[in-house]
Amino acid sequence: QVQLVESGGGLVQPGGSLRLSCAGSGTIVSIVTMGWYRQAPGKQRELVARATSGGSTNYADSVRGRFTISRDNAKNTVYLQMNSLKPEDAAVYYCNARLFTTSVTYLEVWGQGTLVTVSS
């Protein structure tokens, strides 16, 4: 069984910063990609940023230059540093991982979500 646990969400003023963390645990052998999606009320879930085990990253146009994704492969953890936050960044942020387990199974796993509120 594999689990992703997120932390770091909260309330921040426009222009402020937050750092999200997501740690994977369980029968993980290797994580191919690890990233963040978000879903605002009434909108579809969208990719925010994703990082491969080899270090490649991609970002949504709306966050490029403000958000930075990083991984600690040894800890099965991904981080999202969010700077210069805007009200439109407010959403539930979900951690996502595509990985192989000890039973040689390829899975896509989601975290439970962490709420980010950007408001003065």
N, C-alpha and C. Protein backbone atom coordinates (compact mmCIF):
# COMPACT_ATOMS: atom_id res chain seq x y z
N GLN A 1 0.85 -1.19 0.00
CA GLN A 1 0.00 0.00 0.00
C GLN A 1 0.88 1.24 0.00
N VAL A 2 0.46 2.25 -0.75
CA VAL A 2 1.23 3.48 -0.89
C VAL A 2 0.37 4.66 -0.44
N GLN A 3 1.01 5.58 0.23
CA GLN A 3 0.29 6.76 0.73
C GLN A 3 1.11 8.01 0.48
N LEU A 4 0.43 9.08 0.11
CA LEU A 4 1.05 10.40 -0.01
C LEU A 4 0.43 11.31 1.04
N VAL A 5 1.27 11.97 1.82
CA VAL A 5 0.78 12.86 2.86
C VAL A 5 1.33 14.26 2.61
N GLU A 6 0.40 15.21 2.46
CA GLU A 6 0.76 16.60 2.17
C GLU A 6 0.73 17.44 3.44
N SER A 7 1.49 18.51 3.41
CA SER A 7 1.45 19.48 4.50
C SER A 7 1.89 20.83 3.95
N GLY A 8 1.58 21.89 4.71
CA GLY A 8 2.09 23.21 4.36
C GLY A 8 1.07 24.19 3.84
N GLY A 9 -0.15 23.76 3.62
CA GLY A 9 -1.17 24.70 3.16
C GLY A 9 -1.57 25.67 4.25
N GLY A 10 -2.37 26.66 3.88
CA GLY A 10 -2.82 27.63 4.86
C GLY A 10 -3.26 28.92 4.22
N LEU A 11 -3.40 29.92 5.06
CA LEU A 11 -3.83 31.25 4.62
C LEU A 11 -2.62 32.16 4.48
N VAL A 12 -2.54 32.85 3.36
CA VAL A 12 -1.45 33.79 3.12
C VAL A 12 -1.99 35.00 2.39
N GLN A 13 -1.37 36.13 2.62
CA GLN A 13 -1.78 37.35 1.94
C GLN A 13 -1.23 37.38 0.52
N PRO A 14 -1.89 38.10 -0.37
CA PRO A 14 -1.34 38.25 -1.71
C PRO A 14 0.10 38.77 -1.65
N GLY A 15 0.94 38.17 -2.48
CA GLY A 15 2.36 38.52 -2.47
C GLY A 15 3.19 37.69 -1.52
N GLY A 16 2.54 36.91 -0.69
CA GLY A 16 3.24 36.08 0.28
C GLY A 16 3.73 34.77 -0.29
N SER A 17 4.28 33.94 0.59
CA SER A 17 4.87 32.66 0.19
C SER A 17 4.37 31.53 1.07
N LEU A 18 4.33 30.36 0.49
CA LEU A 18 4.05 29.12 1.20
C LEU A 18 4.92 28.03 0.61
N ARG A 19 5.18 27.02 1.44
CA ARG A 19 5.92 25.86 0.96
C ARG A 19 5.11 24.61 1.29
N LEU A 20 4.76 23.88 0.24
CA LEU A 20 4.04 22.62 0.41
C LEU A 20 5.03 21.45 0.38
N SER A 21 4.71 20.43 1.16
CA SER A 21 5.51 19.21 1.17
C SER A 21 4.61 18.02 0.97
N CYS A 22 5.15 16.99 0.36
CA CYS A 22 4.41 15.75 0.16
C CYS A 22 5.37 14.59 0.30
N ALA A 23 5.07 13.70 1.22
CA ALA A 23 5.95 12.56 1.47
C ALA A 23 5.23 11.26 1.12
N GLY A 24 5.91 10.44 0.36
CA GLY A 24 5.36 9.13 0.02
C GLY A 24 5.87 8.07 0.98
N SER A 25 4.99 7.11 1.27
CA SER A 25 5.38 6.01 2.15
C SER A 25 4.70 4.73 1.69
N GLY A 26 5.22 3.60 2.19
CA GLY A 26 4.64 2.32 1.82
C GLY A 26 5.58 1.53 0.93
N THR A 27 5.00 0.71 0.10
CA THR A 27 5.77 -0.25 -0.70
C THR A 27 6.29 0.36 -2.00
N ILE A 28 7.00 1.47 -1.86
CA ILE A 28 7.52 2.20 -3.02
C ILE A 28 8.91 1.69 -3.37
N VAL A 29 9.11 1.40 -4.64
CA VAL A 29 10.44 1.05 -5.11
C VAL A 29 11.07 2.27 -5.77
N SER A 30 10.34 2.89 -6.68
CA SER A 30 10.85 4.10 -7.33
C SER A 30 9.68 4.97 -7.76
N ILE A 31 9.90 6.27 -7.70
CA ILE A 31 8.88 7.23 -8.12
C ILE A 31 9.32 7.85 -9.43
N VAL A 32 8.54 7.65 -10.46
CA VAL A 32 8.90 8.15 -11.78
C VAL A 32 8.69 9.66 -11.87
N THR A 33 7.48 10.08 -11.56
CA THR A 33 7.19 11.51 -11.51
C THR A 33 6.47 11.82 -10.21
N MET A 34 6.68 13.04 -9.75
CA MET A 34 6.04 13.51 -8.52
C MET A 34 5.71 14.96 -8.75
N GLY A 35 4.47 15.34 -8.43
CA GLY A 35 4.10 16.71 -8.75
C GLY A 35 2.89 17.19 -7.98
N TRP A 36 2.44 18.37 -8.39
CA TRP A 36 1.33 19.04 -7.73
C TRP A 36 0.28 19.44 -8.76
N TYR A 37 -0.96 19.20 -8.40
CA TYR A 37 -2.11 19.67 -9.13
C TYR A 37 -2.92 20.54 -8.18
N ARG A 38 -3.82 21.33 -8.76
CA ARG A 38 -4.71 22.12 -7.91
C ARG A 38 -6.09 22.17 -8.52
N GLN A 39 -7.05 22.38 -7.64
CA GLN A 39 -8.44 22.49 -8.08
C GLN A 39 -9.12 23.58 -7.28
N ALA A 40 -9.55 24.61 -7.99
CA ALA A 40 -10.31 25.69 -7.38
C ALA A 40 -11.79 25.39 -7.50
N PRO A 41 -12.62 25.99 -6.66
CA PRO A 41 -14.06 25.72 -6.72
C PRO A 41 -14.62 25.99 -8.11
N GLY A 42 -15.36 25.05 -8.64
CA GLY A 42 -15.99 25.21 -9.93
C GLY A 42 -15.08 25.03 -11.12
N LYS A 43 -13.84 24.65 -10.87
CA LYS A 43 -12.87 24.49 -11.96
C LYS A 43 -12.33 23.05 -11.98
N GLN A 44 -11.76 22.68 -13.12
CA GLN A 44 -11.16 21.37 -13.23
C GLN A 44 -9.80 21.35 -12.56
N ARG A 45 -9.41 20.16 -12.15
CA ARG A 45 -8.08 19.99 -11.59
C ARG A 45 -7.05 20.23 -12.69
N GLU A 46 -6.00 20.98 -12.35
CA GLU A 46 -4.98 21.31 -13.33
C GLU A 46 -3.58 21.04 -12.79
N LEU A 47 -2.69 20.74 -13.69
CA LEU A 47 -1.30 20.54 -13.31
C LEU A 47 -0.67 21.87 -12.93
N VAL A 48 0.04 21.88 -11.81
CA VAL A 48 0.79 23.05 -11.39
C VAL A 48 2.27 22.88 -11.74
N ALA A 49 2.84 21.78 -11.30
CA ALA A 49 4.25 21.51 -11.56
C ALA A 49 4.52 20.03 -11.34
N ARG A 50 5.52 19.54 -12.09
CA ARG A 50 5.85 18.12 -11.99
C ARG A 50 7.35 17.96 -12.17
N ALA A 51 7.90 16.97 -11.46
CA ALA A 51 9.33 16.71 -11.54
C ALA A 51 9.57 15.23 -11.71
N THR A 52 10.49 14.87 -12.58
CA THR A 52 10.85 13.47 -12.77
C THR A 52 11.99 13.10 -11.83
N SER A 53 12.23 11.81 -11.73
CA SER A 53 13.31 11.34 -10.88
C SER A 53 14.67 11.79 -11.41
N GLY A 54 14.71 12.09 -12.70
CA GLY A 54 15.97 12.55 -13.29
C GLY A 54 16.22 14.03 -13.16
N GLY A 55 15.24 14.75 -12.62
CA GLY A 55 15.44 16.17 -12.38
C GLY A 55 14.74 17.10 -13.36
N SER A 56 14.08 16.54 -14.37
CA SER A 56 13.34 17.40 -15.30
C SER A 56 12.09 17.93 -14.62
N THR A 57 11.75 19.16 -14.96
CA THR A 57 10.57 19.78 -14.37
C THR A 57 9.73 20.44 -15.46
N ASN A 58 8.45 20.56 -15.19
CA ASN A 58 7.59 21.40 -16.04
C ASN A 58 6.56 22.09 -15.16
N TYR A 59 6.16 23.26 -15.62
CA TYR A 59 5.28 24.13 -14.85
C TYR A 59 4.12 24.61 -15.72
N ALA A 60 3.02 24.88 -15.05
CA ALA A 60 1.93 25.59 -15.71
C ALA A 60 2.42 27.00 -16.02
N ASP A 61 1.96 27.54 -17.13
CA ASP A 61 2.37 28.90 -17.51
C ASP A 61 2.02 29.91 -16.42
N SER A 62 0.92 29.67 -15.73
CA SER A 62 0.43 30.65 -14.75
C SER A 62 1.32 30.73 -13.50
N VAL A 63 2.17 29.73 -13.29
CA VAL A 63 3.00 29.75 -12.08
C VAL A 63 4.49 29.82 -12.38
N ARG A 64 4.85 29.67 -13.64
CA ARG A 64 6.28 29.65 -13.99
C ARG A 64 6.93 30.96 -13.57
N GLY A 65 8.07 30.85 -12.90
CA GLY A 65 8.79 32.02 -12.40
C GLY A 65 8.41 32.40 -10.98
N ARG A 66 7.30 31.86 -10.49
CA ARG A 66 6.87 32.16 -9.11
C ARG A 66 6.95 30.91 -8.22
N PHE A 67 6.69 29.76 -8.80
CA PHE A 67 6.70 28.50 -8.04
C PHE A 67 7.93 27.69 -8.44
N THR A 68 8.45 26.94 -7.47
CA THR A 68 9.58 26.06 -7.73
C THR A 68 9.30 24.69 -7.12
N ILE A 69 9.41 23.66 -7.94
CA ILE A 69 9.24 22.30 -7.47
C ILE A 69 10.61 21.67 -7.28
N SER A 70 10.72 20.87 -6.23
CA SER A 70 11.96 20.14 -5.98
C SER A 70 11.64 18.80 -5.35
N ARG A 71 12.57 17.87 -5.51
CA ARG A 71 12.37 16.52 -4.97
C ARG A 71 13.57 16.09 -4.14
N ASP A 72 13.27 15.29 -3.13
CA ASP A 72 14.30 14.58 -2.39
C ASP A 72 14.01 13.10 -2.63
N ASN A 73 14.68 12.54 -3.61
CA ASN A 73 14.38 11.16 -4.01
C ASN A 73 14.63 10.17 -2.89
N ALA A 74 15.63 10.43 -2.07
CA ALA A 74 15.95 9.52 -0.97
C ALA A 74 14.83 9.46 0.06
N LYS A 75 14.07 10.54 0.16
CA LYS A 75 12.99 10.62 1.14
C LYS A 75 11.61 10.46 0.48
N ASN A 76 11.58 10.20 -0.83
CA ASN A 76 10.29 10.10 -1.55
C ASN A 76 9.42 11.32 -1.28
N THR A 77 10.03 12.47 -1.32
CA THR A 77 9.35 13.71 -0.96
C THR A 77 9.47 14.73 -2.08
N VAL A 78 8.40 15.49 -2.27
CA VAL A 78 8.41 16.59 -3.22
C VAL A 78 7.95 17.85 -2.50
N TYR A 79 8.52 18.96 -2.92
CA TYR A 79 8.21 20.25 -2.32
C TYR A 79 7.72 21.20 -3.41
N LEU A 80 6.90 22.16 -3.00
CA LEU A 80 6.49 23.22 -3.91
C LEU A 80 6.64 24.53 -3.17
N GLN A 81 7.63 25.30 -3.56
CA GLN A 81 7.83 26.63 -3.00
C GLN A 81 7.01 27.61 -3.84
N MET A 82 6.09 28.28 -3.19
CA MET A 82 5.19 29.19 -3.89
C MET A 82 5.45 30.61 -3.41
N ASN A 83 5.91 31.44 -4.31
CA ASN A 83 6.19 32.84 -4.00
C ASN A 83 5.26 33.76 -4.79
N SER A 84 5.17 34.99 -4.35
CA SER A 84 4.36 35.99 -5.04
C SER A 84 2.95 35.46 -5.30
N LEU A 85 2.35 34.91 -4.28
CA LEU A 85 1.04 34.28 -4.44
C LEU A 85 -0.02 35.30 -4.79
N LYS A 86 -0.95 34.86 -5.62
CA LYS A 86 -2.05 35.69 -6.09
C LYS A 86 -3.37 35.07 -5.64
N PRO A 87 -4.41 35.86 -5.56
CA PRO A 87 -5.71 35.29 -5.19
C PRO A 87 -6.13 34.13 -6.10
N GLU A 88 -5.75 34.20 -7.34
CA GLU A 88 -6.13 33.12 -8.27
C GLU A 88 -5.34 31.83 -8.05
N ASP A 89 -4.35 31.86 -7.17
CA ASP A 89 -3.64 30.63 -6.81
C ASP A 89 -4.38 29.84 -5.73
N ALA A 90 -5.39 30.43 -5.14
CA ALA A 90 -6.14 29.75 -4.10
C ALA A 90 -6.83 28.52 -4.66
N ALA A 91 -6.65 27.41 -3.97
CA ALA A 91 -7.20 26.13 -4.44
C ALA A 91 -6.84 25.05 -3.43
N VAL A 92 -7.38 23.88 -3.66
CA VAL A 92 -6.90 22.69 -2.97
C VAL A 92 -5.76 22.12 -3.81
N TYR A 93 -4.63 21.94 -3.22
CA TYR A 93 -3.45 21.42 -3.91
C TYR A 93 -3.28 19.94 -3.59
N TYR A 94 -3.14 19.16 -4.65
CA TYR A 94 -3.03 17.72 -4.51
C TYR A 94 -1.66 17.25 -4.97
N CYS A 95 -1.06 16.41 -4.17
CA CYS A 95 0.18 15.77 -4.56
C CYS A 95 -0.14 14.55 -5.42
N ASN A 96 0.69 14.32 -6.42
CA ASN A 96 0.49 13.19 -7.34
C ASN A 96 1.82 12.49 -7.55
N ALA A 97 1.78 11.16 -7.60
CA ALA A 97 2.99 10.41 -7.88
C ALA A 97 2.67 9.24 -8.79
N ARG A 98 3.57 8.99 -9.73
CA ARG A 98 3.49 7.80 -10.59
C ARG A 98 4.72 6.97 -10.25
N LEU A 99 4.49 5.75 -9.82
CA LEU A 99 5.57 5.02 -9.17
C LEU A 99 5.44 3.51 -9.38
N PHE A 100 6.53 2.83 -9.05
CA PHE A 100 6.55 1.38 -9.04
C PHE A 100 6.60 0.89 -7.59
N THR A 101 5.84 -0.17 -7.34
CA THR A 101 5.82 -0.75 -6.01
C THR A 101 6.67 -2.01 -5.96
N THR A 102 6.78 -2.57 -4.76
CA THR A 102 7.57 -3.77 -4.58
C THR A 102 6.99 -4.96 -5.32
N SER A 103 5.73 -4.91 -5.65
CA SER A 103 5.11 -6.00 -6.42
C SER A 103 5.19 -5.73 -7.92
N VAL A 104 6.08 -4.83 -8.30
CA VAL A 104 6.31 -4.46 -9.70
C VAL A 104 5.01 -3.99 -10.35
N THR A 105 4.29 -3.19 -9.63
CA THR A 105 3.05 -2.60 -10.10
C THR A 105 3.27 -1.11 -10.32
N TYR A 106 2.75 -0.61 -11.45
CA TYR A 106 2.85 0.82 -11.74
C TYR A 106 1.55 1.47 -11.29
N LEU A 107 1.68 2.44 -10.41
CA LEU A 107 0.51 3.09 -9.84
C LEU A 107 0.56 4.60 -10.03
N GLU A 108 -0.62 5.19 -10.08
CA GLU A 108 -0.74 6.64 -9.93
C GLU A 108 -1.48 6.87 -8.62
N VAL A 109 -0.87 7.66 -7.75
CA VAL A 109 -1.39 7.85 -6.40
C VAL A 109 -1.61 9.34 -6.15
N TRP A 110 -2.67 9.64 -5.41
CA TRP A 110 -3.00 11.03 -5.07
C TRP A 110 -2.97 11.21 -3.56
N GLY A 111 -2.57 12.39 -3.12
CA GLY A 111 -2.69 12.76 -1.74
C GLY A 111 -4.10 13.24 -1.45
N GLN A 112 -4.34 13.57 -0.19
CA GLN A 112 -5.70 13.94 0.22
C GLN A 112 -6.01 15.40 -0.07
N GLY A 113 -5.00 16.19 -0.39
CA GLY A 113 -5.20 17.60 -0.70
C GLY A 113 -4.91 18.50 0.49
N THR A 114 -4.39 19.67 0.19
CA THR A 114 -4.15 20.68 1.22
C THR A 114 -4.64 22.02 0.69
N LEU A 115 -5.34 22.75 1.52
CA LEU A 115 -6.00 23.98 1.09
C LEU A 115 -5.04 25.16 1.17
N VAL A 116 -4.98 25.91 0.09
CA VAL A 116 -4.22 27.16 0.05
C VAL A 116 -5.21 28.30 -0.18
N THR A 117 -5.22 29.24 0.72
CA THR A 117 -6.10 30.40 0.63
C THR A 117 -5.23 31.64 0.52
N VAL A 118 -5.50 32.46 -0.48
CA VAL A 118 -4.74 33.70 -0.69
C VAL A 118 -5.73 34.85 -0.57
N SER A 119 -5.61 35.57 0.52
CA SER A 119 -6.57 36.63 0.78
C SER A 119 -5.99 37.63 1.76
N SER A 120 -6.40 38.88 1.58
CA SER A 120 -5.98 39.92 2.53
C SER A 120 -7.00 40.08 3.63
